[in-house]
Amino acid sequence: MMASNPNKSASLLPYSTIEAAASGNVDAINAVLKHYERYIATLATRTLYDENGVPHLCVDEGMRRRLETKIITKILDFKVNRIA
């Protein structure tokens, strides 16, 4: 269960997941995307208006995919430094 306080460590991705994702592990990359899926959906939400002018919130799937692609690119460029 995710903590209601976003500052608690339960809402953070485990270091091992970040390290695995940065090394190209597909399951770890998917775990990162899953962790951020609500945030990505929020960023990709657009207001559309129907024929009567009534606003509707919709997730722009193209924008969502572009954001996911950008995150994957940054994950693979991320350098993990181990401190001895």
Protein backbone atom coordinates (compact mmCIF):
# COMPACT_ATOMS: atom_id res chain seq x y z
CA MET A 1 0.00 0.00 0.00
CA MET A 2 1.38 3.38 -0.99
CA ALA A 3 1.73 5.96 1.75
CA SER A 4 -0.47 9.04 1.58
CA ASN A 5 2.52 11.28 2.30
CA PRO A 6 4.60 11.60 -0.91
CA ASN A 7 7.71 12.38 1.17
CA LYS A 8 7.76 8.96 2.81
CA SER A 9 10.28 6.43 1.53
CA ALA A 10 7.49 3.96 0.62
CA SER A 11 6.71 6.14 -2.40
CA LEU A 12 10.29 5.95 -3.70
CA LEU A 13 11.54 3.44 -6.20
CA PRO A 14 14.04 0.99 -4.74
CA TYR A 15 17.66 1.74 -5.66
CA SER A 16 18.01 -1.77 -7.13
CA THR A 17 15.15 -1.03 -9.56
CA ILE A 18 16.75 2.24 -10.65
CA GLU A 19 20.11 0.52 -11.10
CA ALA A 20 18.58 -2.33 -13.11
CA ALA A 21 16.57 0.07 -15.28
CA ALA A 22 19.67 2.16 -16.00
CA SER A 23 21.46 -1.00 -17.14
CA GLY A 24 18.63 -1.77 -19.58
CA ASN A 25 16.56 -4.36 -17.69
CA VAL A 26 13.15 -4.28 -19.42
CA ASP A 27 11.23 -5.38 -16.32
CA ALA A 28 12.86 -2.64 -14.25
CA ILE A 29 12.13 -0.01 -16.92
CA ASN A 30 8.49 -1.14 -16.92
CA ALA A 31 8.46 -0.86 -13.11
CA VAL A 32 9.66 2.75 -13.38
CA LEU A 33 6.98 3.53 -15.98
CA LYS A 34 4.35 1.88 -13.77
CA HIS A 35 5.54 3.95 -10.80
CA TYR A 36 5.08 7.18 -12.76
CA GLU A 37 2.00 6.23 -14.83
CA ARG A 38 -0.43 8.46 -12.88
CA TYR A 39 1.95 11.43 -13.14
CA ILE A 40 2.42 10.81 -16.87
CA ALA A 41 -1.35 10.56 -17.37
CA THR A 42 -1.82 13.84 -15.48
CA LEU A 43 0.75 15.58 -17.69
CA ALA A 44 -0.90 14.17 -20.83
CA THR A 45 -4.46 15.15 -19.83
CA ARG A 46 -6.16 17.58 -22.18
CA THR A 47 -9.53 19.29 -22.04
CA LEU A 48 -11.67 18.52 -25.08
CA TYR A 49 -15.07 20.04 -25.81
CA ASP A 50 -18.01 18.17 -27.32
CA GLU A 51 -20.45 19.61 -29.87
CA ASN A 52 -22.39 21.31 -27.05
CA GLY A 53 -19.30 22.99 -25.64
CA VAL A 54 -19.18 20.73 -22.59
CA PRO A 55 -15.57 20.14 -21.47
CA HIS A 56 -14.24 16.60 -21.01
CA LEU A 57 -10.84 15.60 -19.65
CA CYS A 58 -9.06 13.03 -21.82
CA VAL A 59 -5.58 11.53 -21.79
CA ASP A 60 -3.80 12.37 -25.04
CA GLU A 61 -2.35 8.93 -25.87
CA GLY A 62 0.20 10.37 -28.29
CA MET A 63 1.51 12.72 -25.61
CA ARG A 64 1.51 9.88 -23.06
CA ARG A 65 3.61 7.71 -25.39
CA ARG A 66 6.02 10.61 -26.08
CA LEU A 67 6.47 11.19 -22.34
CA GLU A 68 7.11 7.47 -21.74
CA THR A 69 9.63 7.41 -24.59
CA LYS A 70 11.40 10.44 -23.13
CA ILE A 71 11.57 8.77 -19.70
CA ILE A 72 12.94 5.54 -21.19
CA THR A 73 15.60 7.53 -23.07
CA LYS A 74 16.64 9.34 -19.89
CA ILE A 75 16.67 6.09 -17.89
CA LEU A 76 19.04 4.49 -20.38
CA ASP A 77 21.31 7.59 -20.34
CA PHE A 78 21.32 7.66 -16.51
CA LYS A 79 24.67 6.82 -14.93
CA VAL A 80 24.56 5.03 -11.60
CA ASN A 81 27.62 5.57 -9.43
CA ARG A 82 28.32 3.13 -6.64
CA ILE A 83 29.88 4.55 -3.52
CA ALA A 84 32.20 2.06 -1.85
